[in-house]
Amino acid sequence: MRAYWHKIRRLTAAGVASPAVHPPAAAEGRRPLPQPATYLDQLHPEVKASLTPQQRADIERVIALAIPKPAPKLVDMRFTIDLLISRYFIVLMVGKDRRRAQRNVPVSRLTQMGNWVMAVALLLGFNLALSTSIVMLVYLVKSALGINLLPGHFRGFGN
């Protein structure tokens, strides 16, 4: 797959962009979305010429079914962290699960319970972080305005 994308980038840089390059994906700075014509262009010219229009249409239909379609996400955060010795990326996506097939691997009750516990812990942690941020922001605004809720209670250090 890596060789395929390398070839697509090389062809695009050379100005031989095929109609398979999806303009919105290229505009976002992400990989172009593959199209069935892109895969058919990789066929040997003699094999490609020997296909009837019906065969070509059927092959394109099957390839189109095999290509994953991007789905809208509620949250789509992607960023990288550069460290001294290496570079890491973090991706967080939240959206509806639109996969057709069920999982091939059975999920045990322990794994399901662990997933629920982690989901609750993440939600509670996010809630705590958001609540703390709001309380601190309100406190800073109160202090900047000079409002003293408990007069004489806290005189500060050194008084």
N, C-alpha and C. Protein backbone atom coordinates (compact mmCIF):
# COMPACT_ATOMS: atom_id res chain seq x y z
N MET A 1 0.83 -1.19 0.00
CA MET A 1 0.00 0.00 0.00
C MET A 1 0.86 1.24 0.00
N ARG A 2 1.99 1.19 0.72
CA ARG A 2 2.89 2.33 0.78
C ARG A 2 3.42 2.67 -0.62
N ALA A 3 3.75 1.62 -1.40
CA ALA A 3 4.26 1.84 -2.75
C ALA A 3 3.17 2.49 -3.62
N TYR A 4 1.94 2.10 -3.41
CA TYR A 4 0.83 2.69 -4.16
C TYR A 4 0.74 4.19 -3.91
N TRP A 5 0.75 4.60 -2.65
CA TRP A 5 0.64 6.02 -2.32
C TRP A 5 1.87 6.78 -2.79
N HIS A 6 3.04 6.14 -2.74
CA HIS A 6 4.24 6.79 -3.24
C HIS A 6 4.10 7.06 -4.74
N LYS A 7 3.55 6.09 -5.47
CA LYS A 7 3.36 6.27 -6.91
C LYS A 7 2.35 7.39 -7.18
N ILE A 8 1.28 7.43 -6.42
CA ILE A 8 0.27 8.49 -6.59
C ILE A 8 0.89 9.85 -6.33
N ARG A 9 1.69 9.99 -5.25
CA ARG A 9 2.33 11.27 -4.96
C ARG A 9 3.28 11.68 -6.07
N ARG A 10 4.04 10.69 -6.58
CA ARG A 10 4.99 10.99 -7.64
C ARG A 10 4.26 11.45 -8.90
N LEU A 11 3.18 10.78 -9.26
CA LEU A 11 2.41 11.18 -10.43
C LEU A 11 1.76 12.55 -10.24
N THR A 12 1.26 12.81 -9.04
CA THR A 12 0.64 14.10 -8.77
C THR A 12 1.68 15.22 -8.84
N ALA A 13 2.87 14.98 -8.28
CA ALA A 13 3.93 16.00 -8.31
C ALA A 13 4.40 16.25 -9.74
N ALA A 14 4.34 15.22 -10.59
CA ALA A 14 4.77 15.37 -11.97
C ALA A 14 3.70 16.05 -12.83
N GLY A 15 2.54 16.30 -12.24
CA GLY A 15 1.48 16.96 -12.98
C GLY A 15 0.60 16.01 -13.76
N VAL A 16 0.70 14.72 -13.53
CA VAL A 16 -0.10 13.72 -14.22
C VAL A 16 -1.19 13.28 -13.27
N ALA A 17 -1.92 14.21 -12.73
CA ALA A 17 -2.96 13.87 -11.76
C ALA A 17 -4.11 13.19 -12.46
N SER A 18 -4.50 12.06 -11.95
CA SER A 18 -5.62 11.33 -12.52
C SER A 18 -6.91 11.93 -11.99
N PRO A 19 -8.04 11.66 -12.64
CA PRO A 19 -9.30 12.17 -12.13
C PRO A 19 -9.69 11.53 -10.82
N ALA A 20 -8.88 10.56 -10.35
CA ALA A 20 -9.22 9.86 -9.11
C ALA A 20 -8.86 10.67 -7.88
N VAL A 21 -8.08 11.75 -8.03
CA VAL A 21 -7.71 12.54 -6.86
C VAL A 21 -8.92 13.33 -6.44
N HIS A 22 -9.32 13.16 -5.22
CA HIS A 22 -10.51 13.78 -4.68
C HIS A 22 -10.15 15.19 -4.21
N PRO A 23 -10.69 16.26 -4.81
CA PRO A 23 -10.27 17.62 -4.48
C PRO A 23 -10.43 18.02 -3.03
N PRO A 24 -11.55 17.69 -2.31
CA PRO A 24 -11.64 18.13 -0.91
C PRO A 24 -10.55 17.53 -0.03
N ALA A 25 -10.20 16.28 -0.24
CA ALA A 25 -9.17 15.66 0.59
C ALA A 25 -7.83 16.30 0.31
N ALA A 26 -7.55 16.61 -0.96
CA ALA A 26 -6.28 17.25 -1.29
C ALA A 26 -6.24 18.66 -0.71
N ALA A 27 -7.39 19.34 -0.67
CA ALA A 27 -7.42 20.69 -0.13
C ALA A 27 -7.18 20.70 1.38
N GLU A 28 -7.58 19.65 2.08
CA GLU A 28 -7.39 19.59 3.52
C GLU A 28 -5.97 19.21 3.91
N GLY A 29 -5.15 18.83 2.95
CA GLY A 29 -3.78 18.44 3.27
C GLY A 29 -3.68 16.98 3.66
N ARG A 30 -4.71 16.21 3.43
CA ARG A 30 -4.69 14.80 3.75
C ARG A 30 -4.52 14.00 2.47
N ARG A 31 -4.37 12.71 2.63
CA ARG A 31 -4.24 11.82 1.47
C ARG A 31 -5.47 11.93 0.58
N PRO A 32 -5.24 11.84 -0.73
CA PRO A 32 -6.42 11.81 -1.61
C PRO A 32 -7.17 10.50 -1.41
N LEU A 33 -8.48 10.59 -1.51
CA LEU A 33 -9.29 9.40 -1.35
C LEU A 33 -9.17 8.54 -2.61
N PRO A 34 -8.91 7.24 -2.47
CA PRO A 34 -8.76 6.39 -3.65
C PRO A 34 -10.10 6.21 -4.36
N GLN A 35 -10.02 6.12 -5.66
CA GLN A 35 -11.19 5.91 -6.49
C GLN A 35 -10.98 4.61 -7.28
N PRO A 36 -12.05 3.97 -7.75
CA PRO A 36 -11.89 2.73 -8.53
C PRO A 36 -11.02 2.92 -9.77
N ALA A 37 -11.13 4.07 -10.43
CA ALA A 37 -10.34 4.30 -11.64
C ALA A 37 -8.85 4.29 -11.34
N THR A 38 -8.46 4.71 -10.13
CA THR A 38 -7.05 4.70 -9.75
C THR A 38 -6.51 3.28 -9.73
N TYR A 39 -7.29 2.35 -9.24
CA TYR A 39 -6.85 0.95 -9.20
C TYR A 39 -6.83 0.35 -10.60
N LEU A 40 -7.83 0.69 -11.40
CA LEU A 40 -7.87 0.16 -12.76
C LEU A 40 -6.73 0.71 -13.62
N ASP A 41 -6.26 1.90 -13.32
CA ASP A 41 -5.13 2.47 -14.06
C ASP A 41 -3.85 1.68 -13.84
N GLN A 42 -3.79 0.89 -12.80
CA GLN A 42 -2.60 0.10 -12.51
C GLN A 42 -2.57 -1.23 -13.27
N LEU A 43 -3.65 -1.54 -13.98
CA LEU A 43 -3.67 -2.76 -14.78
C LEU A 43 -2.73 -2.61 -15.98
N HIS A 44 -2.23 -3.75 -16.45
CA HIS A 44 -1.40 -3.75 -17.65
C HIS A 44 -2.26 -3.24 -18.81
N PRO A 45 -1.71 -2.40 -19.69
CA PRO A 45 -2.54 -1.83 -20.77
C PRO A 45 -3.24 -2.87 -21.64
N GLU A 46 -2.59 -4.00 -21.89
CA GLU A 46 -3.24 -5.03 -22.71
C GLU A 46 -4.44 -5.64 -21.99
N VAL A 47 -4.29 -5.88 -20.70
CA VAL A 47 -5.39 -6.44 -19.92
C VAL A 47 -6.51 -5.41 -19.83
N LYS A 48 -6.16 -4.17 -19.63
CA LYS A 48 -7.16 -3.11 -19.51
C LYS A 48 -7.93 -2.95 -20.82
N ALA A 49 -7.23 -3.07 -21.97
CA ALA A 49 -7.88 -2.93 -23.27
C ALA A 49 -8.79 -4.12 -23.57
N SER A 50 -8.48 -5.27 -22.96
CA SER A 50 -9.29 -6.46 -23.25
C SER A 50 -10.60 -6.51 -22.46
N LEU A 51 -10.77 -5.62 -21.50
CA LEU A 51 -11.99 -5.61 -20.70
C LEU A 51 -13.15 -5.04 -21.50
N THR A 52 -14.28 -5.68 -21.37
CA THR A 52 -15.49 -5.13 -21.99
C THR A 52 -16.03 -4.05 -21.07
N PRO A 53 -16.87 -3.16 -21.59
CA PRO A 53 -17.45 -2.12 -20.72
C PRO A 53 -18.20 -2.71 -19.52
N GLN A 54 -18.88 -3.85 -19.72
CA GLN A 54 -19.60 -4.48 -18.61
C GLN A 54 -18.63 -4.99 -17.55
N GLN A 55 -17.53 -5.62 -17.99
CA GLN A 55 -16.53 -6.11 -17.04
C GLN A 55 -15.91 -4.95 -16.27
N ARG A 56 -15.58 -3.89 -17.00
CA ARG A 56 -14.98 -2.72 -16.35
C ARG A 56 -15.94 -2.12 -15.31
N ALA A 57 -17.21 -2.01 -15.67
CA ALA A 57 -18.21 -1.45 -14.74
C ALA A 57 -18.35 -2.34 -13.51
N ASP A 58 -18.37 -3.65 -13.70
CA ASP A 58 -18.49 -4.56 -12.55
C ASP A 58 -17.27 -4.49 -11.65
N ILE A 59 -16.08 -4.43 -12.25
CA ILE A 59 -14.85 -4.33 -11.44
C ILE A 59 -14.84 -3.01 -10.67
N GLU A 60 -15.23 -1.91 -11.31
CA GLU A 60 -15.28 -0.62 -10.61
C GLU A 60 -16.29 -0.65 -9.48
N ARG A 61 -17.44 -1.33 -9.69
CA ARG A 61 -18.45 -1.41 -8.64
C ARG A 61 -17.92 -2.17 -7.42
N VAL A 62 -17.23 -3.30 -7.67
CA VAL A 62 -16.69 -4.10 -6.57
C VAL A 62 -15.59 -3.34 -5.84
N ILE A 63 -14.74 -2.64 -6.59
CA ILE A 63 -13.67 -1.85 -5.94
C ILE A 63 -14.29 -0.73 -5.12
N ALA A 64 -15.34 -0.08 -5.64
CA ALA A 64 -15.99 1.01 -4.89
C ALA A 64 -16.59 0.49 -3.58
N LEU A 65 -17.10 -0.76 -3.58
CA LEU A 65 -17.63 -1.33 -2.34
C LEU A 65 -16.52 -1.63 -1.34
N ALA A 66 -15.32 -1.94 -1.85
CA ALA A 66 -14.21 -2.31 -0.97
C ALA A 66 -13.51 -1.10 -0.37
N ILE A 67 -13.63 0.05 -1.00
CA ILE A 67 -12.95 1.25 -0.49
C ILE A 67 -13.76 1.82 0.67
N PRO A 68 -13.12 2.03 1.83
CA PRO A 68 -13.87 2.59 2.97
C PRO A 68 -14.28 4.04 2.70
N LYS A 69 -15.50 4.36 3.06
CA LYS A 69 -16.02 5.71 2.86
C LYS A 69 -15.83 6.52 4.15
N PRO A 70 -15.32 7.74 4.05
CA PRO A 70 -15.18 8.54 5.26
C PRO A 70 -16.55 8.96 5.79
N ALA A 71 -16.69 8.92 7.09
CA ALA A 71 -17.95 9.29 7.73
C ALA A 71 -17.72 10.56 8.56
N PRO A 72 -18.73 11.39 8.70
CA PRO A 72 -18.56 12.60 9.51
C PRO A 72 -18.31 12.23 10.97
N LYS A 73 -17.44 12.97 11.61
CA LYS A 73 -17.07 12.72 13.01
C LYS A 73 -17.54 13.90 13.86
N LEU A 74 -17.96 13.58 15.08
CA LEU A 74 -18.28 14.64 16.03
C LEU A 74 -17.01 15.33 16.49
N VAL A 75 -15.97 14.53 16.74
CA VAL A 75 -14.67 15.04 17.15
C VAL A 75 -13.63 14.40 16.23
N ASP A 76 -12.75 15.21 15.66
CA ASP A 76 -11.69 14.71 14.80
C ASP A 76 -10.44 15.53 15.11
N MET A 77 -9.71 15.10 16.14
CA MET A 77 -8.50 15.81 16.57
C MET A 77 -7.28 15.00 16.14
N ARG A 78 -6.37 15.64 15.41
CA ARG A 78 -5.14 15.00 14.98
C ARG A 78 -4.00 15.98 15.22
N PHE A 79 -3.01 15.53 15.97
CA PHE A 79 -1.84 16.37 16.17
C PHE A 79 -0.63 15.51 16.45
N THR A 80 0.55 16.12 16.32
CA THR A 80 1.80 15.40 16.53
C THR A 80 2.54 16.01 17.70
N ILE A 81 3.34 15.18 18.34
CA ILE A 81 4.20 15.62 19.43
C ILE A 81 5.63 15.30 19.03
N ASP A 82 6.45 16.32 18.92
CA ASP A 82 7.85 16.14 18.58
C ASP A 82 8.68 16.09 19.85
N LEU A 83 9.34 14.96 20.04
CA LEU A 83 10.25 14.80 21.16
C LEU A 83 11.68 14.83 20.62
N LEU A 84 12.65 14.77 21.50
CA LEU A 84 14.04 14.85 21.06
C LEU A 84 14.43 13.67 20.17
N ILE A 85 13.96 12.49 20.50
CA ILE A 85 14.43 11.32 19.77
C ILE A 85 13.43 10.79 18.75
N SER A 86 12.16 11.15 18.85
CA SER A 86 11.18 10.63 17.91
C SER A 86 9.97 11.55 17.85
N ARG A 87 9.08 11.22 16.95
CA ARG A 87 7.88 12.00 16.73
C ARG A 87 6.68 11.07 16.89
N TYR A 88 5.67 11.50 17.63
CA TYR A 88 4.47 10.70 17.86
C TYR A 88 3.25 11.47 17.37
N PHE A 89 2.23 10.73 16.98
CA PHE A 89 0.98 11.38 16.60
C PHE A 89 -0.14 10.85 17.48
N ILE A 90 -1.12 11.72 17.71
CA ILE A 90 -2.27 11.37 18.52
C ILE A 90 -3.51 11.68 17.70
N VAL A 91 -4.43 10.73 17.66
CA VAL A 91 -5.67 10.89 16.91
C VAL A 91 -6.82 10.54 17.85
N LEU A 92 -7.79 11.43 17.93
CA LEU A 92 -8.99 11.18 18.71
C LEU A 92 -10.18 11.44 17.80
N MET A 93 -10.97 10.40 17.57
CA MET A 93 -12.16 10.52 16.73
C MET A 93 -13.36 9.98 17.49
N VAL A 94 -14.44 10.72 17.40
CA VAL A 94 -15.69 10.29 18.00
C VAL A 94 -16.76 10.42 16.93
N GLY A 95 -17.45 9.33 16.67
CA GLY A 95 -18.51 9.34 15.66
C GLY A 95 -19.31 8.07 15.73
N LYS A 96 -20.34 8.02 14.93
CA LYS A 96 -21.21 6.85 14.91
C LYS A 96 -20.49 5.69 14.23
N ASP A 97 -20.66 4.49 14.78
CA ASP A 97 -20.05 3.30 14.21
C ASP A 97 -20.92 2.85 13.04
N ARG A 98 -20.38 2.98 11.82
CA ARG A 98 -21.14 2.65 10.62
C ARG A 98 -20.63 1.38 9.95
N ARG A 99 -19.84 0.59 10.65
CA ARG A 99 -19.33 -0.64 10.05
C ARG A 99 -20.47 -1.62 9.88
N ARG A 100 -20.44 -2.35 8.76
CA ARG A 100 -21.52 -3.29 8.46
C ARG A 100 -21.38 -4.58 9.25
N ALA A 101 -20.19 -5.13 9.26
CA ALA A 101 -19.98 -6.45 9.84
C ALA A 101 -19.76 -6.37 11.35
N GLN A 102 -20.16 -7.43 12.01
CA GLN A 102 -19.89 -7.56 13.43
C GLN A 102 -18.42 -7.91 13.62
N ARG A 103 -17.94 -7.76 14.85
CA ARG A 103 -16.57 -8.14 15.15
C ARG A 103 -16.39 -9.64 14.97
N ASN A 104 -15.26 -10.01 14.35
CA ASN A 104 -14.97 -11.43 14.17
C ASN A 104 -14.47 -12.06 15.47
N VAL A 105 -13.86 -11.25 16.32
CA VAL A 105 -13.31 -11.74 17.58
C VAL A 105 -14.35 -11.52 18.67
N PRO A 106 -14.73 -12.56 19.37
CA PRO A 106 -15.71 -12.37 20.45
C PRO A 106 -15.10 -11.54 21.58
N VAL A 107 -15.88 -10.63 22.11
CA VAL A 107 -15.43 -9.76 23.19
C VAL A 107 -15.91 -10.34 24.51
N SER A 108 -14.99 -10.56 25.42
CA SER A 108 -15.36 -11.16 26.70
C SER A 108 -16.07 -10.14 27.58
N ARG A 109 -16.75 -10.63 28.59
CA ARG A 109 -17.44 -9.77 29.55
C ARG A 109 -16.46 -8.88 30.29
N LEU A 110 -15.26 -9.43 30.59
CA LEU A 110 -14.24 -8.66 31.28
C LEU A 110 -13.79 -7.47 30.43
N THR A 111 -13.62 -7.69 29.15
CA THR A 111 -13.23 -6.60 28.25
C THR A 111 -14.33 -5.55 28.16
N GLN A 112 -15.58 -6.00 28.05
CA GLN A 112 -16.69 -5.06 28.00
C GLN A 112 -16.77 -4.23 29.28
N MET A 113 -16.57 -4.90 30.42
CA MET A 113 -16.60 -4.18 31.70
C MET A 113 -15.45 -3.18 31.77
N GLY A 114 -14.28 -3.60 31.34
CA GLY A 114 -13.13 -2.69 31.33
C GLY A 114 -13.35 -1.49 30.43
N ASN A 115 -13.99 -1.70 29.27
CA ASN A 115 -14.31 -0.59 28.38
C ASN A 115 -15.27 0.39 29.02
N TRP A 116 -16.28 -0.14 29.71
CA TRP A 116 -17.24 0.74 30.40
C TRP A 116 -16.55 1.52 31.53
N VAL A 117 -15.72 0.85 32.29
CA VAL A 117 -15.02 1.53 33.39
C VAL A 117 -14.13 2.65 32.85
N MET A 118 -13.40 2.37 31.77
CA MET A 118 -12.53 3.39 31.19
C MET A 118 -13.35 4.54 30.61
N ALA A 119 -14.48 4.25 29.98
CA ALA A 119 -15.33 5.30 29.43
C ALA A 119 -15.85 6.21 30.54
N VAL A 120 -16.30 5.61 31.64
CA VAL A 120 -16.79 6.40 32.77
C VAL A 120 -15.64 7.22 33.38
N ALA A 121 -14.46 6.61 33.52
CA ALA A 121 -13.30 7.32 34.08
C ALA A 121 -12.91 8.50 33.19
N LEU A 122 -12.93 8.30 31.88
CA LEU A 122 -12.60 9.40 30.97
C LEU A 122 -13.63 10.52 31.06
N LEU A 123 -14.91 10.16 31.11
CA LEU A 123 -15.94 11.20 31.23
C LEU A 123 -15.83 11.95 32.55
N LEU A 124 -15.59 11.22 33.64
CA LEU A 124 -15.43 11.89 34.93
C LEU A 124 -14.19 12.78 34.94
N GLY A 125 -13.10 12.30 34.36
CA GLY A 125 -11.88 13.10 34.29
C GLY A 125 -12.08 14.35 33.45
N PHE A 126 -12.76 14.23 32.33
CA PHE A 126 -13.04 15.40 31.49
C PHE A 126 -13.94 16.37 32.24
N ASN A 127 -14.95 15.86 32.94
CA ASN A 127 -15.85 16.71 33.71
C ASN A 127 -15.09 17.43 34.82
N LEU A 128 -14.21 16.73 35.51
CA LEU A 128 -13.42 17.34 36.58
C LEU A 128 -12.50 18.43 36.03
N ALA A 129 -11.83 18.14 34.90
CA ALA A 129 -10.93 19.14 34.30
C ALA A 129 -11.70 20.37 33.85
N LEU A 130 -12.86 20.17 33.24
CA LEU A 130 -13.67 21.30 32.79
C LEU A 130 -14.21 22.10 33.97
N SER A 131 -14.69 21.42 34.99
CA SER A 131 -15.20 22.12 36.18
C SER A 131 -14.10 22.90 36.88
N THR A 132 -12.93 22.31 37.02
CA THR A 132 -11.80 23.01 37.65
C THR A 132 -11.41 24.23 36.84
N SER A 133 -11.39 24.12 35.54
CA SER A 133 -11.04 25.26 34.69
C SER A 133 -12.05 26.38 34.84
N ILE A 134 -13.32 26.06 34.89
CA ILE A 134 -14.35 27.09 35.04
C ILE A 134 -14.24 27.77 36.39
N VAL A 135 -14.05 26.98 37.45
CA VAL A 135 -13.92 27.56 38.80
C VAL A 135 -12.69 28.47 38.86
N MET A 136 -11.57 28.03 38.29
CA MET A 136 -10.36 28.86 38.31
C MET A 136 -10.56 30.14 37.50
N LEU A 137 -11.25 30.07 36.35
CA LEU A 137 -11.50 31.25 35.54
C LEU A 137 -12.37 32.24 36.30
N VAL A 138 -13.42 31.75 36.95
CA VAL A 138 -14.28 32.63 37.75
C VAL A 138 -13.50 33.25 38.89
N TYR A 139 -12.62 32.48 39.55
CA TYR A 139 -11.81 33.02 40.65
C TYR A 139 -10.86 34.10 40.14
N LEU A 140 -10.24 33.87 38.99
CA LEU A 140 -9.33 34.88 38.44
C LEU A 140 -10.06 36.16 38.05
N VAL A 141 -11.25 36.03 37.48
CA VAL A 141 -12.05 37.22 37.14
C VAL A 141 -12.44 37.96 38.41
N LYS A 142 -12.86 37.21 39.45
CA LYS A 142 -13.23 37.82 40.73
C LYS A 142 -12.04 38.58 41.32
N SER A 143 -10.87 37.97 41.28
CA SER A 143 -9.68 38.61 41.84
C SER A 143 -9.29 39.84 41.04
N ALA A 144 -9.41 39.77 39.71
CA ALA A 144 -9.05 40.91 38.87
C ALA A 144 -10.00 42.08 39.09
N LEU A 145 -11.25 41.79 39.41
CA LEU A 145 -12.22 42.85 39.68
C LEU A 145 -12.11 43.37 41.11
N GLY A 146 -11.32 42.74 41.95
CA GLY A 146 -11.13 43.17 43.33
C GLY A 146 -12.28 42.80 44.25
N ILE A 147 -13.02 41.81 43.93
CA ILE A 147 -14.15 41.38 44.76
C ILE A 147 -13.61 40.45 45.83
N ASN A 148 -13.93 40.75 47.10
CA ASN A 148 -13.50 39.93 48.22
C ASN A 148 -14.73 39.32 48.86
N LEU A 149 -14.88 38.01 48.71
CA LEU A 149 -16.06 37.33 49.23
C LEU A 149 -16.03 37.16 50.74
N LEU A 150 -14.85 37.00 51.33
CA LEU A 150 -14.72 36.82 52.77
C LEU A 150 -13.80 37.90 53.32
N PRO A 151 -14.31 39.09 53.61
CA PRO A 151 -13.45 40.18 54.09
C PRO A 151 -12.82 39.82 55.44
N GLY A 152 -11.52 40.08 55.52
CA GLY A 152 -10.79 39.83 56.76
C GLY A 152 -10.41 38.38 56.97
N HIS A 153 -10.83 37.50 56.17
CA HIS A 153 -10.54 36.09 56.36
C HIS A 153 -9.13 35.74 55.90
N PHE A 154 -8.74 36.21 54.73
CA PHE A 154 -7.41 35.89 54.22
C PHE A 154 -6.69 37.18 53.91
N ARG A 155 -5.67 37.45 54.70
CA ARG A 155 -4.95 38.72 54.53
C ARG A 155 -3.75 38.58 53.63
N GLY A 156 -3.41 37.38 53.22
CA GLY A 156 -2.27 37.20 52.34
C GLY A 156 -1.04 36.85 53.14
N PHE A 157 0.04 36.58 52.49
CA PHE A 157 1.28 36.22 53.15
C PHE A 157 2.02 37.47 53.62
N GLY A 158 2.61 37.41 54.77
CA GLY A 158 3.41 38.49 55.31
C GLY A 158 2.63 39.56 56.02
N ASN A 159 1.35 39.42 56.21
CA ASN A 159 0.57 40.45 56.91
C ASN A 159 0.24 40.04 58.31
